[in-house]
Each structure stands twice: as structure tokens, then as C-alpha cells.
Amino acid sequence: MRRLALTGLLGLSLAACDLLPTAVDTFPEPCPDENFGQGDGYDRAARDCLWKAFSDGKAASFKTTKITAQRDPIVTRVVVRPGGRVEVFYDNSLDTFSNEKGKYALTCTKFQRSVDPGSERVRFLADNCRGGDIRALVF
């Protein structure tokens, strides 16, 4: 009887944490990482992977690292989840010239894709974000 009660309690706890019904979403498929550098290292396939997962309502993750002119890394990891939830983890803590350094964990309700007409490069806008001082992020 005690084992049954503990199993039931564990199941309720996992469901409350949103781990049980969405266990597949807990570990999203990784898209290739992008090491953007200072203009080089752009990976269209990695960006297309993230957008396809978002458009299809599937979970996926994508990481891009941009290197500043001072060779400081700025890392952005994006996780898209079914239902349109977008989680952005942004780290500019090593950016020498940033006025507001930090590591931010954001949840955003809007996610848009655009293509630069000159370079044909895909850009993303995560908007209406909560969880830090950042409300929108372009990457």
C-alpha cells in the first residue's frame, strides 16, 4: 500500500512539474550549434532546423555564439517547445564593453523569422519576453 501511495505521489509531482505528460519535450532535439564569430560561421541549416521545429510544433534547441570585436563570446541558446513556448538563455557576462552583463533565462511568447534581403541570412526575433530586463532579442 505504501509503495502504491509513493508511486501515485511521484506521478503527481512529475505531472505538476510538467515532466510526465511532455517527457519527449523535456529533452528537445538539438539543432547544430552555430559559432558565428565576427560575421563568419553563420549556419543556415541550423537556423532552418530551429524554425522548422517551431513551425511544426516540435521541440528543438539551437545555440549560437557571437564573438565581439574584443573577442568576447555572447552565447544565445534557444529552446522551442510545442504550443509555441520559446525559452531563451542569453549570456553576455564576458562581454567587456556591455553596460549590463549577465546571464538571462527568458520565456518569450512571440518568435519571428526574417531574411535579410542583402545577405539572405536568417534572423530571429524573440519578443514579449519575461524573466529578466530583456524584453526582446534579435539574433
C-alpha atoms as a PDB file:
ATOM      1  CA  MET A   1       0.000   0.000   0.000  1.00  0.00           C
ATOM      2  CA  ARG A   2       2.825   2.366   0.878  1.00  0.00           C
ATOM      3  CA  ARG A   3       4.537   1.652  -2.475  1.00  0.00           C
ATOM      4  CA  LEU A   4       1.307   2.475  -4.334  1.00  0.00           C
ATOM      5  CA  ALA A   5       0.942   5.750  -2.419  1.00  0.00           C
ATOM      6  CA  LEU A   6       4.561   6.724  -3.165  1.00  0.00           C
ATOM      7  CA  THR A   7       4.145   5.859  -6.852  1.00  0.00           C
ATOM      8  CA  GLY A   8       0.993   7.967  -7.027  1.00  0.00           C
ATOM      9  CA  LEU A   9       2.682  10.875  -5.253  1.00  0.00           C
ATOM     10  CA  LEU A  10       5.674  10.675  -7.589  1.00  0.00           C
ATOM     11  CA  GLY A  11       3.378  10.651 -10.625  1.00  0.00           C
ATOM     12  CA  LEU A  12       1.505  13.706  -9.368  1.00  0.00           C
ATOM     13  CA  SER A  13       4.770  15.504  -8.636  1.00  0.00           C
ATOM     14  CA  LEU A  14       6.104  14.818 -12.117  1.00  0.00           C
ATOM     15  CA  ALA A  15       2.837  15.899 -13.708  1.00  0.00           C
ATOM     16  CA  ALA A  16       2.873  19.116 -11.662  1.00  0.00           C
ATOM     17  CA  CYS A  17       6.396  19.829 -12.883  1.00  0.00           C
ATOM     18  CA  ASP A  18       5.204  19.254 -16.450  1.00  0.00           C
ATOM     19  CA  LEU A  19       7.692  16.393 -16.862  1.00  0.00           C
ATOM     20  CA  LEU A  20       5.358  13.444 -17.168  1.00  0.00           C
ATOM     21  CA  PRO A  21       2.974  14.423 -19.985  1.00  0.00           C
ATOM     22  CA  THR A  22       5.684  16.126 -22.011  1.00  0.00           C
ATOM     23  CA  ALA A  23       8.652  13.841 -21.331  1.00  0.00           C
ATOM     24  CA  VAL A  24       9.508  13.901 -25.032  1.00  0.00           C
ATOM     25  CA  ASP A  25       9.650  17.707 -24.904  1.00  0.00           C
ATOM     26  CA  THR A  26      11.899  17.753 -21.842  1.00  0.00           C
ATOM     27  CA  PHE A  27      14.927  16.902 -23.948  1.00  0.00           C
ATOM     28  CA  PRO A  28      14.442  18.674 -27.284  1.00  0.00           C
ATOM     29  CA  GLU A  29      16.162  17.566 -30.448  1.00  0.00           C
ATOM     30  CA  PRO A  30      19.372  19.535 -30.857  1.00  0.00           C
ATOM     31  CA  CYS A  31      19.858  21.563 -33.996  1.00  0.00           C
ATOM     32  CA  PRO A  32      23.510  22.108 -34.932  1.00  0.00           C
ATOM     33  CA  ASP A  33      25.350  24.752 -32.913  1.00  0.00           C
ATOM     34  CA  GLU A  34      26.387  27.901 -34.709  1.00  0.00           C
ATOM     35  CA  ASN A  35      29.701  29.591 -33.925  1.00  0.00           C
ATOM     36  CA  PHE A  36      29.025  32.895 -35.604  1.00  0.00           C
ATOM     37  CA  GLY A  37      32.346  34.550 -34.847  1.00  0.00           C
ATOM     38  CA  GLN A  38      32.695  38.053 -36.239  1.00  0.00           C
ATOM     39  CA  GLY A  39      30.497  37.578 -39.277  1.00  0.00           C
ATOM     40  CA  ASP A  40      31.747  34.122 -40.243  1.00  0.00           C
ATOM     41  CA  GLY A  41      30.411  30.807 -39.016  1.00  0.00           C
ATOM     42  CA  TYR A  42      26.774  31.542 -39.905  1.00  0.00           C
ATOM     43  CA  ASP A  43      24.860  28.259 -40.267  1.00  0.00           C
ATOM     44  CA  ARG A  44      21.672  28.496 -42.330  1.00  0.00           C
ATOM     45  CA  ALA A  45      20.890  24.776 -41.868  1.00  0.00           C
ATOM     46  CA  ALA A  46      20.997  25.142 -38.064  1.00  0.00           C
ATOM     47  CA  ARG A  47      18.637  28.133 -38.205  1.00  0.00           C
ATOM     48  CA  ASP A  48      16.310  26.335 -40.625  1.00  0.00           C
ATOM     49  CA  CYS A  49      16.261  23.361 -38.222  1.00  0.00           C
ATOM     50  CA  LEU A  50      15.071  25.578 -35.363  1.00  0.00           C
ATOM     51  CA  TRP A  51      12.440  27.320 -37.489  1.00  0.00           C
ATOM     52  CA  LYS A  52      11.109  24.033 -38.890  1.00  0.00           C
ATOM     53  CA  ALA A  53      10.712  22.592 -35.386  1.00  0.00           C
ATOM     54  CA  PHE A  54       8.952  25.756 -34.198  1.00  0.00           C
ATOM     55  CA  SER A  55       6.663  25.816 -37.258  1.00  0.00           C
ATOM     56  CA  ASP A  56       5.841  22.103 -36.885  1.00  0.00           C
ATOM     57  CA  GLY A  57       5.109  22.456 -33.161  1.00  0.00           C
ATOM     58  CA  LYS A  58       8.037  20.263 -32.134  1.00  0.00           C
ATOM     59  CA  ALA A  59      10.716  20.741 -29.509  1.00  0.00           C
ATOM     60  CA  ALA A  60      14.228  21.709 -30.580  1.00  0.00           C
ATOM     61  CA  SER A  61      17.251  23.613 -29.280  1.00  0.00           C
ATOM     62  CA  PHE A  62      19.779  25.832 -31.018  1.00  0.00           C
ATOM     63  CA  LYS A  63      22.892  27.598 -29.728  1.00  0.00           C
ATOM     64  CA  THR A  64      24.702  30.454 -31.391  1.00  0.00           C
ATOM     65  CA  THR A  65      27.915  32.063 -30.179  1.00  0.00           C
ATOM     66  CA  LYS A  66      28.847  35.502 -31.458  1.00  0.00           C
ATOM     67  CA  ILE A  67      32.342  36.849 -30.866  1.00  0.00           C
ATOM     68  CA  THR A  68      32.681  40.596 -30.324  1.00  0.00           C
ATOM     69  CA  ALA A  69      35.466  42.729 -31.791  1.00  0.00           C
ATOM     70  CA  GLN A  70      37.255  42.325 -28.440  1.00  0.00           C
ATOM     71  CA  ARG A  71      36.947  38.530 -28.843  1.00  0.00           C
ATOM     72  CA  ASP A  72      34.375  38.196 -26.059  1.00  0.00           C
ATOM     73  CA  PRO A  73      31.715  35.483 -26.510  1.00  0.00           C
ATOM     74  CA  ILE A  74      27.994  36.221 -26.382  1.00  0.00           C
ATOM     75  CA  VAL A  75      26.041  32.973 -26.194  1.00  0.00           C
ATOM     76  CA  THR A  76      22.365  32.561 -27.013  1.00  0.00           C
ATOM     77  CA  ARG A  77      20.617  29.206 -26.580  1.00  0.00           C
ATOM     78  CA  VAL A  78      17.033  28.912 -27.761  1.00  0.00           C
ATOM     79  CA  VAL A  79      14.654  26.083 -26.933  1.00  0.00           C
ATOM     80  CA  VAL A  80      11.328  25.929 -28.758  1.00  0.00           C
ATOM     81  CA  ARG A  81       8.563  23.806 -27.276  1.00  0.00           C
ATOM     82  CA  PRO A  82       5.234  22.524 -28.571  1.00  0.00           C
ATOM     83  CA  GLY A  83       2.497  25.078 -28.070  1.00  0.00           C
ATOM     84  CA  GLY A  84       4.720  27.983 -29.110  1.00  0.00           C
ATOM     85  CA  ARG A  85       6.677  28.448 -25.882  1.00  0.00           C
ATOM     86  CA  VAL A  86      10.162  29.804 -26.530  1.00  0.00           C
ATOM     87  CA  GLU A  87      12.912  29.769 -23.912  1.00  0.00           C
ATOM     88  CA  VAL A  88      15.978  31.920 -24.459  1.00  0.00           C
ATOM     89  CA  PHE A  89      19.139  31.638 -22.389  1.00  0.00           C
ATOM     90  CA  TYR A  90      21.327  34.662 -23.097  1.00  0.00           C
ATOM     91  CA  ASP A  91      24.824  35.092 -21.652  1.00  0.00           C
ATOM     92  CA  ASN A  92      26.827  38.261 -22.236  1.00  0.00           C
ATOM     93  CA  SER A  93      28.629  38.052 -18.885  1.00  0.00           C
ATOM     94  CA  LEU A  94      32.051  38.004 -20.579  1.00  0.00           C
ATOM     95  CA  ASP A  95      31.363  40.958 -22.901  1.00  0.00           C
ATOM     96  CA  THR A  96      33.951  43.543 -21.864  1.00  0.00           C
ATOM     97  CA  PHE A  97      32.023  46.575 -23.116  1.00  0.00           C
ATOM     98  CA  SER A  98      28.477  45.590 -22.181  1.00  0.00           C
ATOM     99  CA  ASN A  99      26.771  48.010 -19.789  1.00  0.00           C
ATOM    100  CA  GLU A 100      24.524  45.282 -18.409  1.00  0.00           C
ATOM    101  CA  LYS A 101      26.390  41.984 -18.191  1.00  0.00           C
ATOM    102  CA  GLY A 102      24.644  38.880 -17.073  1.00  0.00           C
ATOM    103  CA  LYS A 103      23.060  35.532 -17.708  1.00  0.00           C
ATOM    104  CA  TYR A 104      19.380  35.690 -18.524  1.00  0.00           C
ATOM    105  CA  ALA A 105      16.747  32.957 -18.686  1.00  0.00           C
ATOM    106  CA  LEU A 106      13.764  34.277 -20.611  1.00  0.00           C
ATOM    107  CA  THR A 107      10.422  32.876 -21.681  1.00  0.00           C
ATOM    108  CA  CYS A 108       9.051  34.569 -24.783  1.00  0.00           C
ATOM    109  CA  THR A 109       5.589  34.397 -26.317  1.00  0.00           C
ATOM    110  CA  LYS A 110       6.464  35.716 -29.770  1.00  0.00           C
ATOM    111  CA  PHE A 111       9.021  34.257 -32.158  1.00  0.00           C
ATOM    112  CA  GLN A 112       9.564  35.552 -35.682  1.00  0.00           C
ATOM    113  CA  ARG A 113      11.882  34.781 -38.558  1.00  0.00           C
ATOM    114  CA  SER A 114      13.103  37.232 -41.183  1.00  0.00           C
ATOM    115  CA  VAL A 115      15.540  37.046 -44.075  1.00  0.00           C
ATOM    116  CA  ASP A 116      17.934  39.913 -44.685  1.00  0.00           C
ATOM    117  CA  PRO A 117      17.371  40.944 -48.325  1.00  0.00           C
ATOM    118  CA  GLY A 118      21.023  41.823 -48.911  1.00  0.00           C
ATOM    119  CA  SER A 119      22.779  38.827 -47.404  1.00  0.00           C
ATOM    120  CA  GLU A 120      19.904  36.274 -47.426  1.00  0.00           C
ATOM    121  CA  ARG A 121      20.770  35.476 -43.811  1.00  0.00           C
ATOM    122  CA  VAL A 122      18.026  34.302 -41.478  1.00  0.00           C
ATOM    123  CA  ARG A 123      17.478  36.318 -38.313  1.00  0.00           C
ATOM    124  CA  PHE A 124      15.184  35.615 -35.391  1.00  0.00           C
ATOM    125  CA  LEU A 125      13.275  37.926 -33.094  1.00  0.00           C
ATOM    126  CA  ALA A 126      12.224  36.616 -29.692  1.00  0.00           C
ATOM    127  CA  ASP A 127       9.743  39.128 -28.318  1.00  0.00           C
ATOM    128  CA  ASN A 128       7.432  39.711 -25.387  1.00  0.00           C
ATOM    129  CA  CYS A 129       9.967  38.041 -23.089  1.00  0.00           C
ATOM    130  CA  ARG A 130       9.816  37.677 -19.317  1.00  0.00           C
ATOM    131  CA  GLY A 131      12.345  36.621 -16.739  1.00  0.00           C
ATOM    132  CA  GLY A 132      14.859  39.461 -16.910  1.00  0.00           C
ATOM    133  CA  ASP A 133      15.359  43.026 -18.033  1.00  0.00           C
ATOM    134  CA  ILE A 134      15.401  41.941 -21.684  1.00  0.00           C
ATOM    135  CA  ARG A 135      12.005  42.146 -23.401  1.00  0.00           C
ATOM    136  CA  ALA A 136      13.112  41.328 -26.967  1.00  0.00           C
ATOM    137  CA  LEU A 137      16.206  39.807 -28.541  1.00  0.00           C
ATOM    138  CA  VAL A 138      17.368  39.660 -32.166  1.00  0.00           C
ATOM    139  CA  PHE A 139      19.909  37.004 -33.140  1.00  0.00           C
END
